[in-house]
Amino acid sequence: NNAERIFLTILQLTGAVVFATIMSQLSSVITNMSQSQREREQHIEGIRSFLIERKVERSLATKITDWAAFNFSTTTSLRETLRILGLLPLSLKHALALSLHEATLSAIPMFYRAGSEFIAQVALHLIHEVYEEGETVLKS
């Protein structure tokens, strides 16, 4: 049966191509994850070296490296968000900003009765800032 042999050969080749495609995608994902992890570790190690060279007290050095690790992860996610926002058309930017920030902004008394469009406009103009616990953010 030549038809069966041809069919099975094509089926095996198709299976091999699908398997190779899946394996290459998994390899790519793992490589990207490990590259991001290496960047983070290099960033933290650079800070540790700086603190050791300057003989900074251990408890303060720990606080600084913990904050740097937190800041690296939040700014990395912020950069990705900004990159994605830059690619979107205005209507989708508004929808995404509203989806991400509406609950937070609506909880602020000044924005209780604000409409969704206004909240989306405010959300698009937010600037990400990180403050340490107990730090004064606004003085009256």
C-alpha atoms as a PDB file:
ATOM      1  CA  ASN A   1       0.000   0.000   0.000  1.00  0.00           C
ATOM      2  CA  ASN A   2       1.859   3.015  -1.289  1.00  0.00           C
ATOM      3  CA  ALA A   3      -0.909   5.423  -0.291  1.00  0.00           C
ATOM      4  CA  GLU A   4      -0.705   4.340   3.361  1.00  0.00           C
ATOM      5  CA  ARG A   5       3.085   4.684   3.387  1.00  0.00           C
ATOM      6  CA  ILE A   6       2.926   8.148   1.861  1.00  0.00           C
ATOM      7  CA  PHE A   7       0.220   9.190   4.320  1.00  0.00           C
ATOM      8  CA  LEU A   8       2.187   7.879   7.334  1.00  0.00           C
ATOM      9  CA  THR A   9       5.400   9.526   6.103  1.00  0.00           C
ATOM     10  CA  ILE A  10       3.636  12.877   5.751  1.00  0.00           C
ATOM     11  CA  LEU A  11       2.028  12.400   9.163  1.00  0.00           C
ATOM     12  CA  GLN A  12       5.397  11.636  10.793  1.00  0.00           C
ATOM     13  CA  LEU A  13       7.027  14.659   9.160  1.00  0.00           C
ATOM     14  CA  THR A  14       4.159  16.885  10.289  1.00  0.00           C
ATOM     15  CA  GLY A  15       4.505  15.552  13.833  1.00  0.00           C
ATOM     16  CA  ALA A  16       8.251  16.204  13.817  1.00  0.00           C
ATOM     17  CA  VAL A  17       7.754  19.785  12.577  1.00  0.00           C
ATOM     18  CA  VAL A  18       5.092  20.506  15.227  1.00  0.00           C
ATOM     19  CA  PHE A  19       7.298  19.021  17.955  1.00  0.00           C
ATOM     20  CA  ALA A  20      10.320  21.064  16.809  1.00  0.00           C
ATOM     21  CA  THR A  21       8.220  24.236  16.752  1.00  0.00           C
ATOM     22  CA  ILE A  22       6.948  23.665  20.287  1.00  0.00           C
ATOM     23  CA  MET A  23      10.448  22.901  21.572  1.00  0.00           C
ATOM     24  CA  SER A  24      11.910  26.040  19.965  1.00  0.00           C
ATOM     25  CA  GLN A  25       9.171  28.206  21.507  1.00  0.00           C
ATOM     26  CA  LEU A  26       9.800  26.714  24.954  1.00  0.00           C
ATOM     27  CA  SER A  27      13.533  27.250  24.539  1.00  0.00           C
ATOM     28  CA  SER A  28      12.942  30.884  23.587  1.00  0.00           C
ATOM     29  CA  VAL A  29      10.724  31.512  26.627  1.00  0.00           C
ATOM     30  CA  ILE A  30      13.275  29.949  28.991  1.00  0.00           C
ATOM     31  CA  THR A  31      16.115  31.955  27.437  1.00  0.00           C
ATOM     32  CA  ASN A  32      14.189  35.221  27.847  1.00  0.00           C
ATOM     33  CA  MET A  33      13.345  34.403  31.458  1.00  0.00           C
ATOM     34  CA  SER A  34      16.941  33.569  32.325  1.00  0.00           C
ATOM     35  CA  GLN A  35      18.209  36.731  30.581  1.00  0.00           C
ATOM     36  CA  SER A  36      15.861  38.874  32.672  1.00  0.00           C
ATOM     37  CA  GLN A  37      16.973  37.063  35.819  1.00  0.00           C
ATOM     38  CA  ARG A  38      20.657  37.612  34.900  1.00  0.00           C
ATOM     39  CA  GLU A  39      20.020  41.345  34.389  1.00  0.00           C
ATOM     40  CA  ARG A  40      18.363  41.541  37.800  1.00  0.00           C
ATOM     41  CA  GLU A  41      21.190  39.653  39.508  1.00  0.00           C
ATOM     42  CA  GLN A  42      23.840  41.854  37.838  1.00  0.00           C
ATOM     43  CA  HIS A  43      21.958  44.964  38.961  1.00  0.00           C
ATOM     44  CA  ILE A  44      21.729  43.751  42.572  1.00  0.00           C
ATOM     45  CA  GLU A  45      25.332  42.515  42.603  1.00  0.00           C
ATOM     46  CA  GLY A  46      26.540  45.914  41.381  1.00  0.00           C
ATOM     47  CA  ILE A  47      24.717  47.595  44.248  1.00  0.00           C
ATOM     48  CA  ARG A  48      26.111  45.085  46.770  1.00  0.00           C
ATOM     49  CA  SER A  49      29.650  45.684  45.510  1.00  0.00           C
ATOM     50  CA  PHE A  50      29.173  49.425  45.794  1.00  0.00           C
ATOM     51  CA  LEU A  51      27.943  49.108  49.380  1.00  0.00           C
ATOM     52  CA  ILE A  52      30.744  46.715  50.391  1.00  0.00           C
ATOM     53  CA  GLU A  53      33.435  48.952  48.884  1.00  0.00           C
ATOM     54  CA  ARG A  54      32.122  51.879  50.894  1.00  0.00           C
ATOM     55  CA  LYS A  55      31.776  49.790  54.072  1.00  0.00           C
ATOM     56  CA  VAL A  56      28.097  50.563  54.566  1.00  0.00           C
ATOM     57  CA  GLU A  57      26.535  49.103  57.721  1.00  0.00           C
ATOM     58  CA  ARG A  58      25.042  45.638  57.111  1.00  0.00           C
ATOM     59  CA  SER A  59      21.459  46.479  58.147  1.00  0.00           C
ATOM     60  CA  LEU A  60      21.400  49.564  55.929  1.00  0.00           C
ATOM     61  CA  ALA A  61      22.966  47.616  53.049  1.00  0.00           C
ATOM     62  CA  THR A  62      20.256  44.972  53.373  1.00  0.00           C
ATOM     63  CA  LYS A  63      17.522  47.607  53.255  1.00  0.00           C
ATOM     64  CA  ILE A  64      19.117  49.187  50.184  1.00  0.00           C
ATOM     65  CA  THR A  65      19.511  45.903  48.291  1.00  0.00           C
ATOM     66  CA  ASP A  66      15.945  44.849  49.175  1.00  0.00           C
ATOM     67  CA  TRP A  67      14.629  48.178  47.901  1.00  0.00           C
ATOM     68  CA  ALA A  68      16.771  47.887  44.743  1.00  0.00           C
ATOM     69  CA  ALA A  69      15.384  44.406  44.023  1.00  0.00           C
ATOM     70  CA  PHE A  70      11.825  45.667  44.504  1.00  0.00           C
ATOM     71  CA  ASN A  71      12.495  48.784  42.427  1.00  0.00           C
ATOM     72  CA  PHE A  72      14.085  46.752  39.611  1.00  0.00           C
ATOM     73  CA  SER A  73      11.022  44.516  39.328  1.00  0.00           C
ATOM     74  CA  THR A  74       8.543  47.409  39.430  1.00  0.00           C
ATOM     75  CA  THR A  75      10.446  49.567  36.950  1.00  0.00           C
ATOM     76  CA  THR A  76      10.903  46.588  34.615  1.00  0.00           C
ATOM     77  CA  SER A  77       7.157  46.010  34.641  1.00  0.00           C
ATOM     78  CA  LEU A  78       6.567  49.760  34.244  1.00  0.00           C
ATOM     79  CA  ARG A  79       8.890  49.901  31.216  1.00  0.00           C
ATOM     80  CA  GLU A  80       6.998  46.988  29.658  1.00  0.00           C
ATOM     81  CA  THR A  81       3.663  48.705  30.326  1.00  0.00           C
ATOM     82  CA  LEU A  82       4.907  51.947  28.775  1.00  0.00           C
ATOM     83  CA  ARG A  83       6.243  50.064  25.755  1.00  0.00           C
ATOM     84  CA  ILE A  84       2.875  48.375  25.239  1.00  0.00           C
ATOM     85  CA  LEU A  85       1.004  51.670  25.747  1.00  0.00           C
ATOM     86  CA  GLY A  86       3.195  53.305  23.119  1.00  0.00           C
ATOM     87  CA  LEU A  87       2.088  50.743  20.549  1.00  0.00           C
ATOM     88  CA  LEU A  88      -1.641  51.132  21.162  1.00  0.00           C
ATOM     89  CA  PRO A  89      -4.023  53.522  19.425  1.00  0.00           C
ATOM     90  CA  LEU A  90      -5.544  56.238  21.629  1.00  0.00           C
ATOM     91  CA  SER A  91      -8.899  54.484  22.161  1.00  0.00           C
ATOM     92  CA  LEU A  92      -7.177  51.325  23.408  1.00  0.00           C
ATOM     93  CA  LYS A  93      -4.807  53.383  25.599  1.00  0.00           C
ATOM     94  CA  HIS A  94      -7.871  54.917  27.282  1.00  0.00           C
ATOM     95  CA  ALA A  95      -9.492  51.524  27.745  1.00  0.00           C
ATOM     96  CA  LEU A  96      -6.313  49.993  29.198  1.00  0.00           C
ATOM     97  CA  ALA A  97      -5.662  52.962  31.504  1.00  0.00           C
ATOM     98  CA  LEU A  98      -9.249  52.770  32.729  1.00  0.00           C
ATOM     99  CA  SER A  99      -8.991  49.032  33.306  1.00  0.00           C
ATOM    100  CA  LEU A 100      -5.725  49.350  35.253  1.00  0.00           C
ATOM    101  CA  HIS A 101      -6.501  52.424  37.371  1.00  0.00           C
ATOM    102  CA  GLU A 102     -10.257  53.007  37.618  1.00  0.00           C
ATOM    103  CA  ALA A 103     -10.736  51.204  40.935  1.00  0.00           C
ATOM    104  CA  THR A 104      -7.828  53.039  42.577  1.00  0.00           C
ATOM    105  CA  LEU A 105      -8.708  56.482  41.270  1.00  0.00           C
ATOM    106  CA  SER A 106     -12.428  56.071  41.993  1.00  0.00           C
ATOM    107  CA  ALA A 107     -11.570  55.419  45.654  1.00  0.00           C
ATOM    108  CA  ILE A 108     -10.046  58.907  45.978  1.00  0.00           C
ATOM    109  CA  PRO A 109     -12.688  61.345  47.294  1.00  0.00           C
ATOM    110  CA  MET A 110     -11.818  63.971  44.693  1.00  0.00           C
ATOM    111  CA  PHE A 111     -12.734  61.496  41.910  1.00  0.00           C
ATOM    112  CA  TYR A 112     -15.884  59.915  43.431  1.00  0.00           C
ATOM    113  CA  ARG A 113     -18.246  61.439  40.905  1.00  0.00           C
ATOM    114  CA  ALA A 114     -15.829  61.708  37.990  1.00  0.00           C
ATOM    115  CA  GLY A 115     -16.786  59.982  34.783  1.00  0.00           C
ATOM    116  CA  SER A 116     -14.875  57.133  33.222  1.00  0.00           C
ATOM    117  CA  GLU A 117     -13.464  59.337  30.451  1.00  0.00           C
ATOM    118  CA  PHE A 118     -12.011  61.792  32.975  1.00  0.00           C
ATOM    119  CA  ILE A 119     -10.503  58.989  35.043  1.00  0.00           C
ATOM    120  CA  ALA A 120      -8.949  57.502  31.889  1.00  0.00           C
ATOM    121  CA  GLN A 121      -7.407  60.890  31.065  1.00  0.00           C
ATOM    122  CA  VAL A 122      -6.004  61.189  34.592  1.00  0.00           C
ATOM    123  CA  ALA A 123      -4.696  57.623  34.458  1.00  0.00           C
ATOM    124  CA  LEU A 124      -2.838  58.331  31.219  1.00  0.00           C
ATOM    125  CA  HIS A 125      -0.982  61.184  32.948  1.00  0.00           C
ATOM    126  CA  LEU A 126       0.017  59.302  36.085  1.00  0.00           C
ATOM    127  CA  ILE A 127       3.722  59.168  36.845  1.00  0.00           C
ATOM    128  CA  HIS A 128       5.056  56.128  38.662  1.00  0.00           C
ATOM    129  CA  GLU A 129       6.941  56.997  41.853  1.00  0.00           C
ATOM    130  CA  VAL A 130       8.194  54.643  44.554  1.00  0.00           C
ATOM    131  CA  TYR A 131       8.510  55.814  48.148  1.00  0.00           C
ATOM    132  CA  GLU A 132       9.854  54.040  51.178  1.00  0.00           C
ATOM    133  CA  GLU A 133       7.446  53.240  54.002  1.00  0.00           C
ATOM    134  CA  GLY A 134       7.108  56.167  56.363  1.00  0.00           C
ATOM    135  CA  GLU A 135       8.532  58.697  53.885  1.00  0.00           C
ATOM    136  CA  THR A 136       6.703  62.024  53.618  1.00  0.00           C
ATOM    137  CA  VAL A 137       5.119  62.295  50.189  1.00  0.00           C
ATOM    138  CA  LEU A 138       3.215  65.561  50.458  1.00  0.00           C
ATOM    139  CA  LYS A 139       3.595  68.420  52.901  1.00  0.00           C
ATOM    140  CA  SER A 140       0.845  70.964  53.310  1.00  0.00           C
END
